[in-house]
Amino acid sequence: LIGRSGALLVGGTLVGAAPLIAHSIAFRINPISVLLNLSR
């Protein structure tokens, strides 16, 4: 995980979470805050 395999894992994670990332940037929303609000 320290080398190439870790980079591939991180890259795959970013691709999978891309819709969330793009939405958060476009609408200036903090997804962590959304999650915390739901848990209250």
Full PDB file with SEQRES, HELIX, SHEET, SSBOND, CRYST1, ORIGX, SCALE, CONECT and MASTER records, all heavy atoms in Angstrom:
SEQRES   1 A   40  LEU ILE GLY ARG SER GLY ALA LEU LEU VAL GLY GLY THR          
SEQRES   2 A   40  LEU VAL GLY ALA ALA PRO LEU ILE ALA HIS SER ILE ALA          
SEQRES   3 A   40  PHE ARG ILE ASN PRO ILE SER VAL LEU LEU ASN LEU SER          
SEQRES   4 A   40  ARG                                                          
HELIX    1 AA1 ARG A    4  GLY A   16  1                                  13    
HELIX    2 AA2 ALA A   18  PHE A   27  1                                  10    
HELIX    3 AA3 PRO A   31  SER A   39  1                                   9    
CRYST1    1.000    1.000    1.000  90.00  90.00  90.00 P 1           1          
ORIGX1      1.000000  0.000000  0.000000        0.00000                         
ORIGX2      0.000000  1.000000  0.000000        0.00000                         
ORIGX3      0.000000  0.000000  1.000000        0.00000                         
SCALE1      1.000000  0.000000  0.000000        0.00000                         
SCALE2      0.000000  1.000000  0.000000        0.00000                         
SCALE3      0.000000  0.000000  1.000000        0.00000                         
ATOM      1  N   LEU A   1       0.809  -1.215   0.000  1.00  0.00           N  
ATOM      2  CA  LEU A   1       0.000   0.000   0.000  1.00  0.00           C  
ATOM      3  C   LEU A   1       0.842   1.264   0.000  1.00  0.00           C  
ATOM      4  O   LEU A   1       0.335   2.346  -0.344  1.00  0.00           O  
ATOM      5  CB  LEU A   1      -0.945   0.005   1.211  1.00  0.00           C  
ATOM      6  CG  LEU A   1      -2.087  -1.019   1.161  1.00  0.00           C  
ATOM      7  CD1 LEU A   1      -2.866  -1.016   2.456  1.00  0.00           C  
ATOM      8  CD2 LEU A   1      -3.022  -0.715  -0.014  1.00  0.00           C  
ATOM      9  N   ILE A   2       2.091   1.145   0.359  1.00  0.00           N  
ATOM     10  CA  ILE A   2       2.971   2.318   0.373  1.00  0.00           C  
ATOM     11  C   ILE A   2       3.345   2.744  -1.045  1.00  0.00           C  
ATOM     12  O   ILE A   2       3.611   3.911  -1.308  1.00  0.00           O  
ATOM     13  CB  ILE A   2       4.238   2.018   1.196  1.00  0.00           C  
ATOM     14  CG1 ILE A   2       3.860   1.725   2.647  1.00  0.00           C  
ATOM     15  CG2 ILE A   2       5.213   3.182   1.137  1.00  0.00           C  
ATOM     16  CD1 ILE A   2       5.030   1.279   3.505  1.00  0.00           C  
ATOM     17  N   GLY A   3       3.318   1.802  -1.985  1.00  0.00           N  
ATOM     18  CA  GLY A   3       3.775   2.092  -3.340  1.00  0.00           C  
ATOM     19  C   GLY A   3       2.670   2.151  -4.369  1.00  0.00           C  
ATOM     20  O   GLY A   3       1.599   2.734  -4.150  1.00  0.00           O  
ATOM     21  N   ARG A   4       2.924   1.491  -5.517  1.00  0.00           N  
ATOM     22  CA  ARG A   4       2.027   1.557  -6.666  1.00  0.00           C  
ATOM     23  C   ARG A   4       0.630   1.030  -6.330  1.00  0.00           C  
ATOM     24  O   ARG A   4      -0.385   1.600  -6.769  1.00  0.00           O  
ATOM     25  CB  ARG A   4       2.628   0.747  -7.817  1.00  0.00           C  
ATOM     26  CG  ARG A   4       1.747   0.633  -9.044  1.00  0.00           C  
ATOM     27  CD  ARG A   4       2.480  -0.098 -10.164  1.00  0.00           C  
ATOM     28  NE  ARG A   4       1.613  -0.353 -11.292  1.00  0.00           N  
ATOM     29  CZ  ARG A   4       0.850  -1.424 -11.438  1.00  0.00           C  
ATOM     30  NH1 ARG A   4       0.873  -2.364 -10.478  1.00  0.00           N  
ATOM     31  NH2 ARG A   4       0.082  -1.592 -12.500  1.00  0.00           N  
ATOM     32  N   SER A   5       0.551  -0.041  -5.571  1.00  0.00           N  
ATOM     33  CA  SER A   5      -0.752  -0.610  -5.238  1.00  0.00           C  
ATOM     34  C   SER A   5      -1.609   0.370  -4.448  1.00  0.00           C  
ATOM     35  O   SER A   5      -2.817   0.489  -4.672  1.00  0.00           O  
ATOM     36  CB  SER A   5      -0.566  -1.906  -4.439  1.00  0.00           C  
ATOM     37  OG  SER A   5       0.087  -2.885  -5.214  1.00  0.00           O  
ATOM     38  N   GLY A   6      -0.968   1.080  -3.528  1.00  0.00           N  
ATOM     39  CA  GLY A   6      -1.704   2.085  -2.765  1.00  0.00           C  
ATOM     40  C   GLY A   6      -2.217   3.199  -3.652  1.00  0.00           C  
ATOM     41  O   GLY A   6      -3.343   3.701  -3.470  1.00  0.00           O  
ATOM     42  N   ALA A   7      -1.398   3.609  -4.634  1.00  0.00           N  
ATOM     43  CA  ALA A   7      -1.818   4.657  -5.563  1.00  0.00           C  
ATOM     44  C   ALA A   7      -3.010   4.193  -6.396  1.00  0.00           C  
ATOM     45  O   ALA A   7      -3.949   4.964  -6.646  1.00  0.00           O  
ATOM     46  CB  ALA A   7      -0.653   5.049  -6.466  1.00  0.00           C  
ATOM     47  N   LEU A   8      -2.983   2.930  -6.832  1.00  0.00           N  
ATOM     48  CA  LEU A   8      -4.105   2.392  -7.594  1.00  0.00           C  
ATOM     49  C   LEU A   8      -5.371   2.347  -6.743  1.00  0.00           C  
ATOM     50  O   LEU A   8      -6.475   2.647  -7.222  1.00  0.00           O  
ATOM     51  CB  LEU A   8      -3.759   0.994  -8.100  1.00  0.00           C  
ATOM     52  CG  LEU A   8      -2.723   0.921  -9.225  1.00  0.00           C  
ATOM     53  CD1 LEU A   8      -2.296  -0.527  -9.464  1.00  0.00           C  
ATOM     54  CD2 LEU A   8      -3.280   1.538 -10.507  1.00  0.00           C  
ATOM     55  N   LEU A   9      -5.226   1.968  -5.483  1.00  0.00           N  
ATOM     56  CA  LEU A   9      -6.380   1.922  -4.585  1.00  0.00           C  
ATOM     57  C   LEU A   9      -6.965   3.316  -4.390  1.00  0.00           C  
ATOM     58  O   LEU A   9      -8.186   3.514  -4.482  1.00  0.00           O  
ATOM     59  CB  LEU A   9      -5.979   1.301  -3.251  1.00  0.00           C  
ATOM     60  CG  LEU A   9      -7.102   1.041  -2.246  1.00  0.00           C  
ATOM     61  CD1 LEU A   9      -6.785  -0.193  -1.405  1.00  0.00           C  
ATOM     62  CD2 LEU A   9      -7.315   2.232  -1.310  1.00  0.00           C  
ATOM     63  N   VAL A  10      -6.108   4.290  -4.129  1.00  0.00           N  
ATOM     64  CA  VAL A  10      -6.570   5.665  -3.937  1.00  0.00           C  
ATOM     65  C   VAL A  10      -7.211   6.201  -5.213  1.00  0.00           C  
ATOM     66  O   VAL A  10      -8.265   6.855  -5.185  1.00  0.00           O  
ATOM     67  CB  VAL A  10      -5.414   6.575  -3.486  1.00  0.00           C  
ATOM     68  CG1 VAL A  10      -5.848   8.043  -3.486  1.00  0.00           C  
ATOM     69  CG2 VAL A  10      -4.918   6.169  -2.108  1.00  0.00           C  
ATOM     70  N   GLY A  11      -6.593   5.899  -6.349  1.00  0.00           N  
ATOM     71  CA  GLY A  11      -7.157   6.337  -7.617  1.00  0.00           C  
ATOM     72  C   GLY A  11      -8.530   5.740  -7.864  1.00  0.00           C  
ATOM     73  O   GLY A  11      -9.457   6.445  -8.309  1.00  0.00           O  
ATOM     74  N   GLY A  12      -8.675   4.442  -7.583  1.00  0.00           N  
ATOM     75  CA  GLY A  12      -9.976   3.810  -7.731  1.00  0.00           C  
ATOM     76  C   GLY A  12     -11.018   4.428  -6.814  1.00  0.00           C  
ATOM     77  O   GLY A  12     -12.172   4.633  -7.204  1.00  0.00           O  
ATOM     78  N   THR A  13     -10.612   4.751  -5.584  1.00  0.00           N  
ATOM     79  CA  THR A  13     -11.536   5.377  -4.635  1.00  0.00           C  
ATOM     80  C   THR A  13     -12.001   6.741  -5.134  1.00  0.00           C  
ATOM     81  O   THR A  13     -13.191   7.080  -5.047  1.00  0.00           O  
ATOM     82  CB  THR A  13     -10.868   5.523  -3.258  1.00  0.00           C  
ATOM     83  OG1 THR A  13     -10.430   4.241  -2.803  1.00  0.00           O  
ATOM     84  CG2 THR A  13     -11.833   6.113  -2.239  1.00  0.00           C  
ATOM     85  N   LEU A  14     -11.094   7.528  -5.670  1.00  0.00           N  
ATOM     86  CA  LEU A  14     -11.453   8.851  -6.181  1.00  0.00           C  
ATOM     87  C   LEU A  14     -12.396   8.759  -7.367  1.00  0.00           C  
ATOM     88  O   LEU A  14     -13.331   9.553  -7.501  1.00  0.00           O  
ATOM     89  CB  LEU A  14     -10.189   9.623  -6.564  1.00  0.00           C  
ATOM     90  CG  LEU A  14      -9.269  10.024  -5.404  1.00  0.00           C  
ATOM     91  CD1 LEU A  14      -8.002  10.677  -5.925  1.00  0.00           C  
ATOM     92  CD2 LEU A  14     -10.004  10.963  -4.436  1.00  0.00           C  
ATOM     93  N   VAL A  15     -12.158   7.768  -8.226  1.00  0.00           N  
ATOM     94  CA  VAL A  15     -13.058   7.575  -9.370  1.00  0.00           C  
ATOM     95  C   VAL A  15     -14.447   7.171  -8.888  1.00  0.00           C  
ATOM     96  O   VAL A  15     -15.466   7.704  -9.351  1.00  0.00           O  
ATOM     97  CB  VAL A  15     -12.490   6.510 -10.331  1.00  0.00           C  
ATOM     98  CG1 VAL A  15     -13.528   6.140 -11.398  1.00  0.00           C  
ATOM     99  CG2 VAL A  15     -11.220   7.013 -10.993  1.00  0.00           C  
ATOM    100  N   GLY A  16     -14.505   6.244  -7.950  1.00  0.00           N  
ATOM    101  CA  GLY A  16     -15.797   5.803  -7.439  1.00  0.00           C  
ATOM    102  C   GLY A  16     -16.566   6.900  -6.736  1.00  0.00           C  
ATOM    103  O   GLY A  16     -17.797   6.980  -6.843  1.00  0.00           O  
ATOM    104  N   ALA A  17     -15.857   7.751  -6.013  1.00  0.00           N  
ATOM    105  CA  ALA A  17     -16.507   8.836  -5.264  1.00  0.00           C  
ATOM    106  C   ALA A  17     -16.610  10.116  -6.081  1.00  0.00           C  
ATOM    107  O   ALA A  17     -17.025  11.151  -5.542  1.00  0.00           O  
ATOM    108  CB  ALA A  17     -15.730   9.115  -3.973  1.00  0.00           C  
ATOM    109  N   ALA A  18     -16.266  10.076  -7.373  1.00  0.00           N  
ATOM    110  CA  ALA A  18     -16.245  11.275  -8.211  1.00  0.00           C  
ATOM    111  C   ALA A  18     -17.574  12.023  -8.225  1.00  0.00           C  
ATOM    112  O   ALA A  18     -17.577  13.271  -8.157  1.00  0.00           O  
ATOM    113  CB  ALA A  18     -15.809  10.919  -9.633  1.00  0.00           C  
ATOM    114  N   PRO A  19     -18.737  11.346  -8.322  1.00  0.00           N  
ATOM    115  CA  PRO A  19     -19.999  12.107  -8.300  1.00  0.00           C  
ATOM    116  C   PRO A  19     -20.177  12.919  -7.020  1.00  0.00           C  
ATOM    117  O   PRO A  19     -20.648  14.060  -7.057  1.00  0.00           O  
ATOM    118  CB  PRO A  19     -21.069  11.018  -8.417  1.00  0.00           C  
ATOM    119  CG  PRO A  19     -20.374   9.883  -9.102  1.00  0.00           C  
ATOM    120  CD  PRO A  19     -18.974   9.916  -8.570  1.00  0.00           C  
ATOM    121  N   LEU A  20     -19.815  12.333  -5.881  1.00  0.00           N  
ATOM    122  CA  LEU A  20     -19.912  13.067  -4.612  1.00  0.00           C  
ATOM    123  C   LEU A  20     -18.961  14.253  -4.599  1.00  0.00           C  
ATOM    124  O   LEU A  20     -19.337  15.361  -4.182  1.00  0.00           O  
ATOM    125  CB  LEU A  20     -19.610  12.116  -3.454  1.00  0.00           C  
ATOM    126  CG  LEU A  20     -19.665  12.688  -2.032  1.00  0.00           C  
ATOM    127  CD1 LEU A  20     -20.097  11.611  -1.048  1.00  0.00           C  
ATOM    128  CD2 LEU A  20     -18.312  13.237  -1.586  1.00  0.00           C  
ATOM    129  N   ILE A  21     -17.735  14.029  -5.056  1.00  0.00           N  
ATOM    130  CA  ILE A  21     -16.735  15.104  -5.065  1.00  0.00           C  
ATOM    131  C   ILE A  21     -17.179  16.242  -5.975  1.00  0.00           C  
ATOM    132  O   ILE A  21     -17.119  17.425  -5.600  1.00  0.00           O  
ATOM    133  CB  ILE A  21     -15.364  14.551  -5.491  1.00  0.00           C  
ATOM    134  CG1 ILE A  21     -14.868  13.516  -4.473  1.00  0.00           C  
ATOM    135  CG2 ILE A  21     -14.347  15.680  -5.638  1.00  0.00           C  
ATOM    136  CD1 ILE A  21     -13.648  12.747  -4.932  1.00  0.00           C  
ATOM    137  N   ALA A  22     -17.643  15.895  -7.183  1.00  0.00           N  
ATOM    138  CA  ALA A  22     -18.063  16.923  -8.138  1.00  0.00           C  
ATOM    139  C   ALA A  22     -19.256  17.709  -7.614  1.00  0.00           C  
ATOM    140  O   ALA A  22     -19.316  18.939  -7.742  1.00  0.00           O  
ATOM    141  CB  ALA A  22     -18.401  16.272  -9.478  1.00  0.00           C  
ATOM    142  N   HIS A  23     -20.214  17.011  -7.007  1.00  0.00           N  
ATOM    143  CA  HIS A  23     -21.395  17.684  -6.456  1.00  0.00           C  
ATOM    144  C   HIS A  23     -21.010  18.621  -5.313  1.00  0.00           C  
ATOM    145  O   HIS A  23     -21.517  19.742  -5.220  1.00  0.00           O  
ATOM    146  CB  HIS A  23     -22.393  16.632  -5.964  1.00  0.00           C  
ATOM    147  CG  HIS A  23     -23.658  17.205  -5.395  1.00  0.00           C  
ATOM    148  ND1 HIS A  23     -24.758  17.497  -6.162  1.00  0.00           N  
ATOM    149  CD2 HIS A  23     -24.000  17.533  -4.115  1.00  0.00           C  
ATOM    150  CE1 HIS A  23     -25.716  17.981  -5.388  1.00  0.00           C  
ATOM    151  NE2 HIS A  23     -25.279  18.009  -4.141  1.00  0.00           N  
ATOM    152  N   SER A  24     -20.120  18.143  -4.457  1.00  0.00           N  
ATOM    153  CA  SER A  24     -19.700  18.957  -3.312  1.00  0.00           C  
ATOM    154  C   SER A  24     -18.990  20.232  -3.766  1.00  0.00           C  
ATOM    155  O   SER A  24     -19.204  21.312  -3.192  1.00  0.00           O  
ATOM    156  CB  SER A  24     -18.782  18.130  -2.400  1.00  0.00           C  
ATOM    157  OG  SER A  24     -19.446  16.982  -1.915  1.00  0.00           O  
ATOM    158  N   ILE A  25     -18.175  20.122  -4.810  1.00  0.00           N  
ATOM    159  CA  ILE A  25     -17.462  21.292  -5.315  1.00  0.00           C  
ATOM    160  C   ILE A  25     -18.425  22.250  -6.010  1.00  0.00           C  
ATOM    161  O   ILE A  25     -18.391  23.468  -5.791  1.00  0.00           O  
ATOM    162  CB  ILE A  25     -16.344  20.861  -6.276  1.00  0.00           C  
ATOM    163  CG1 ILE A  25     -15.257  20.089  -5.511  1.00  0.00           C  
ATOM    164  CG2 ILE A  25     -15.734  22.070  -6.989  1.00  0.00           C  
ATOM    165  CD1 ILE A  25     -14.186  19.494  -6.399  1.00  0.00           C  
ATOM    166  N   ALA A  26     -19.315  21.690  -6.837  1.00  0.00           N  
ATOM    167  CA  ALA A  26     -20.225  22.529  -7.615  1.00  0.00           C  
ATOM    168  C   ALA A  26     -21.189  23.310  -6.725  1.00  0.00           C  
ATOM    169  O   ALA A  26     -21.509  24.468  -7.008  1.00  0.00           O  
ATOM    170  CB  ALA A  26     -20.999  21.669  -8.609  1.00  0.00           C  
ATOM    171  N   PHE A  27     -21.660  22.680  -5.647  1.00  0.00           N  
ATOM    172  CA  PHE A  27     -22.664  23.320  -4.788  1.00  0.00           C  
ATOM    173  C   PHE A  27     -22.092  23.761  -3.446  1.00  0.00           C  
ATOM    174  O   PHE A  27     -22.839  24.174  -2.557  1.00  0.00           O  
ATOM    175  CB  PHE A  27     -23.845  22.365  -4.567  1.00  0.00           C  
ATOM    176  CG  PHE A  27     -24.614  22.063  -5.819  1.00  0.00           C  
ATOM    177  CD1 PHE A  27     -24.321  20.935  -6.567  1.00  0.00           C  
ATOM    178  CD2 PHE A  27     -25.605  22.918  -6.266  1.00  0.00           C  
ATOM    179  CE1 PHE A  27     -25.015  20.652  -7.734  1.00  0.00           C  
ATOM    180  CE2 PHE A  27     -26.309  22.644  -7.431  1.00  0.00           C  
ATOM    181  CZ  PHE A  27     -26.009  21.509  -8.176  1.00  0.00           C  
ATOM    182  N   ARG A  28     -20.756  23.673  -3.321  1.00  0.00           N  
ATOM    183  CA  ARG A  28     -20.068  24.116  -2.103  1.00  0.00           C  
ATOM    184  C   ARG A  28     -20.673  23.489  -0.849  1.00  0.00           C  
ATOM    185  O   ARG A  28     -21.058  24.171   0.111  1.00  0.00           O  
ATOM    186  CB  ARG A  28     -20.096  25.639  -2.005  1.00  0.00           C  
ATOM    187  CG  ARG A  28     -19.381  26.325  -3.158  1.00  0.00           C  
ATOM    188  CD  ARG A  28     -19.401  27.826  -3.015  1.00  0.00           C  
ATOM    189  NE  ARG A  28     -18.697  28.466  -4.118  1.00  0.00           N  
ATOM    190  CZ  ARG A  28     -18.547  29.795  -4.253  1.00  0.00           C  
ATOM    191  NH1 ARG A  28     -19.045  30.599  -3.323  1.00  0.00           N  
ATOM    192  NH2 ARG A  28     -17.916  30.289  -5.291  1.00  0.00           N  
ATOM    193  N   ILE A  29     -20.749  22.173  -0.868  1.00  0.00           N  
ATOM    194  CA  ILE A  29     -21.330  21.409   0.227  1.00  0.00           C  
ATOM    195  C   ILE A  29     -20.245  20.546   0.851  1.00  0.00           C  
ATOM    196  O   ILE A  29     -19.455  19.911   0.138  1.00  0.00           O  
ATOM    197  CB  ILE A  29     -22.488  20.527  -0.278  1.00  0.00           C  
ATOM    198  CG1 ILE A  29     -23.638  21.408  -0.755  1.00  0.00           C  
ATOM    199  CG2 ILE A  29     -22.970  19.567   0.812  1.00  0.00           C  
ATOM    200  CD1 ILE A  29     -24.725  20.640  -1.466  1.00  0.00           C  
ATOM    201  N   ASN A  30     -20.212  20.522   2.164  1.00  0.00           N  
ATOM    202  CA  ASN A  30     -19.281  19.670   2.888  1.00  0.00           C  
ATOM    203  C   ASN A  30     -19.961  18.328   3.167  1.00  0.00           C  
ATOM    204  O   ASN A  30     -20.874  18.252   3.993  1.00  0.00           O  
ATOM    205  CB  ASN A  30     -18.866  20.327   4.204  1.00  0.00           C  
ATOM    206  CG  ASN A  30     -17.815  19.523   4.955  1.00  0.00           C  
ATOM    207  OD1 ASN A  30     -17.581  18.350   4.674  1.00  0.00           O  
ATOM    208  ND2 ASN A  30     -17.160  20.149   5.911  1.00  0.00           N  
ATOM    209  N   PRO A  31     -19.562  17.243   2.486  1.00  0.00           N  
ATOM    210  CA  PRO A  31     -20.249  15.965   2.679  1.00  0.00           C  
ATOM    211  C   PRO A  31     -20.137  15.423   4.101  1.00  0.00           C  
ATOM    212  O   PRO A  31     -21.017  14.696   4.555  1.00  0.00           O  
ATOM    213  CB  PRO A  31     -19.564  15.033   1.673  1.00  0.00           C  
ATOM    214  CG  PRO A  31     -18.238  15.672   1.391  1.00  0.00           C  
ATOM    215  CD  PRO A  31     -18.458  17.141   1.522  1.00  0.00           C  
ATOM    216  N   ILE A  32     -19.059  15.775   4.796  1.00  0.00           N  
ATOM    217  CA  ILE A  32     -18.919  15.316   6.184  1.00  0.00           C  
ATOM    218  C   ILE A  32     -19.973  15.976   7.062  1.00  0.00           C  
ATOM    219  O   ILE A  32     -20.582  15.338   7.931  1.00  0.00           O  
ATOM    220  CB  ILE A  32     -17.496  15.610   6.706  1.00  0.00           C  
ATOM    221  CG1 ILE A  32     -16.463  14.830   5.877  1.00  0.00           C  
ATOM    222  CG2 ILE A  32     -17.382  15.252   8.185  1.00  0.00           C  
ATOM    223  CD1 ILE A  32     -15.037  15.099   6.256  1.00  0.00           C  
ATOM    224  N   SER A  33     -20.211  17.272   6.825  1.00  0.00           N  
ATOM    225  CA  SER A  33     -21.252  17.975   7.580  1.00  0.00           C  
ATOM    226  C   SER A  33     -22.630  17.381   7.305  1.00  0.00           C  
ATOM    227  O   SER A  33     -23.461  17.252   8.217  1.00  0.00           O  
ATOM    228  CB  SER A  33     -21.253  19.463   7.216  1.00  0.00           C  
ATOM    229  OG  SER A  33     -20.027  20.062   7.565  1.00  0.00           O  
ATOM    230  N   VAL A  34     -22.874  17.008   6.046  1.00  0.00           N  
ATOM    231  CA  VAL A  34     -24.152  16.375   5.696  1.00  0.00           C  
ATOM    232  C   VAL A  34     -24.321  15.076   6.468  1.00  0.00           C  
ATOM    233  O   VAL A  34     -25.383  14.804   7.028  1.00  0.00           O  
ATOM    234  CB  VAL A  34     -24.220  16.122   4.175  1.00  0.00           C  
ATOM    235  CG1 VAL A  34     -25.471  15.297   3.838  1.00  0.00           C  
ATOM    236  CG2 VAL A  34     -24.227  17.432   3.408  1.00  0.00           C  
ATOM    237  N   LEU A  35     -23.254  14.272   6.523  1.00  0.00           N  
ATOM    238  CA  LEU A  35     -23.311  12.997   7.233  1.00  0.00           C  
ATOM    239  C   LEU A  35     -23.543  13.214   8.726  1.00  0.00           C  
ATOM    240  O   LEU A  35     -24.338  12.507   9.348  1.00  0.00           O  
ATOM    241  CB  LEU A  35     -22.014  12.226   6.999  1.00  0.00           C  
ATOM    242  CG  LEU A  35     -21.906  10.853   7.664  1.00  0.00           C  
ATOM    243  CD1 LEU A  35     -22.998   9.923   7.139  1.00  0.00           C  
ATOM    244  CD2 LEU A  35     -20.536  10.240   7.407  1.00  0.00           C  
ATOM    245  N   LEU A  36     -22.864  14.187   9.307  1.00  0.00           N  
ATOM    246  CA  LEU A  36     -23.034  14.466  10.733  1.00  0.00           C  
ATOM    247  C   LEU A  36     -24.443  14.947  11.045  1.00  0.00           C  
ATOM    248  O   LEU A  36     -25.021  14.582  12.070  1.00  0.00           O  
ATOM    249  CB  LEU A  36     -22.000  15.500  11.186  1.00  0.00           C  
ATOM    250  CG  LEU A  36     -20.538  15.033  11.187  1.00  0.00           C  
ATOM    251  CD1 LEU A  36     -19.612  16.184  11.555  1.00  0.00           C  
ATOM    252  CD2 LEU A  36     -20.336  13.863  12.140  1.00  0.00           C  
ATOM    253  N   ASN A  37     -25.003  15.773  10.161  1.00  0.00           N  
ATOM    254  CA  ASN A  37     -26.374  16.253  10.369  1.00  0.00           C  
ATOM    255  C   ASN A  37     -27.372  15.105  10.327  1.00  0.00           C  
ATOM    256  O   ASN A  37     -28.358  15.089  11.071  1.00  0.00           O  
ATOM    257  CB  ASN A  37     -26.737  17.298   9.317  1.00  0.00           C  
ATOM    258  CG  ASN A  37     -26.007  18.615   9.534  1.00  0.00           C  
ATOM    259  OD1 ASN A  37     -25.625  18.945  10.658  1.00  0.00           O  
ATOM    260  ND2 ASN A  37     -25.802  19.367   8.462  1.00  0.00           N  
ATOM    261  N   LEU A  38     -27.127  14.141   9.449  1.00  0.00           N  
ATOM    262  CA  LEU A  38     -28.030  12.992   9.356  1.00  0.00           C  
ATOM    263  C   LEU A  38     -27.972  12.132  10.609  1.00  0.00           C  
ATOM    264  O   LEU A  38     -28.967  11.504  10.981  1.00  0.00           O  
ATOM    265  CB  LEU A  38     -27.662  12.133   8.136  1.00  0.00           C  
ATOM    266  CG  LEU A  38     -27.971  12.729   6.766  1.00  0.00           C  
ATOM    267  CD1 LEU A  38     -27.402  11.841   5.675  1.00  0.00           C  
ATOM    268  CD2 LEU A  38     -29.473  12.888   6.585  1.00  0.00           C  
ATOM    269  N   SER A  39     -26.816  12.068  11.235  1.00  0.00           N  
ATOM    270  CA  SER A  39     -26.647  11.196  12.399  1.00  0.00           C  
ATOM    271  C   SER A  39     -27.188  11.806  13.684  1.00  0.00           C  
ATOM    272  O   SER A  39     -27.294  11.122  14.696  1.00  0.00           O  
ATOM    273  CB  SER A  39     -25.159  10.863  12.585  1.00  0.00           C  
ATOM    274  OG  SER A  39     -24.410  12.035  12.869  1.00  0.00           O  
ATOM    275  N   ARG A  40     -27.543  13.080  13.642  1.00  0.00           N  
ATOM    276  CA  ARG A  40     -28.067  13.719  14.859  1.00  0.00           C  
ATOM    277  C   ARG A  40     -29.506  13.291  15.104  1.00  0.00           C  
ATOM    278  O   ARG A  40     -30.306  13.193  14.187  1.00  0.00           O  
ATOM    279  CB  ARG A  40     -28.008  15.246  14.731  1.00  0.00           C  
ATOM    280  CG  ARG A  40     -26.579  15.789  14.749  1.00  0.00           C  
ATOM    281  CD  ARG A  40     -26.561  17.259  14.456  1.00  0.00           C  
ATOM    282  NE  ARG A  40     -25.193  17.769  14.385  1.00  0.00           N  
ATOM    283  CZ  ARG A  40     -24.864  18.958  13.908  1.00  0.00           C  
ATOM    284  NH1 ARG A  40     -25.805  19.783  13.465  1.00  0.00           N  
ATOM    285  NH2 ARG A  40     -23.598  19.341  13.871  1.00  0.00           N  
TER     286      ARG A  40                                                      
MASTER        0    0    0    3    0    0    0    6  285    1    0    4          
END                                                                             
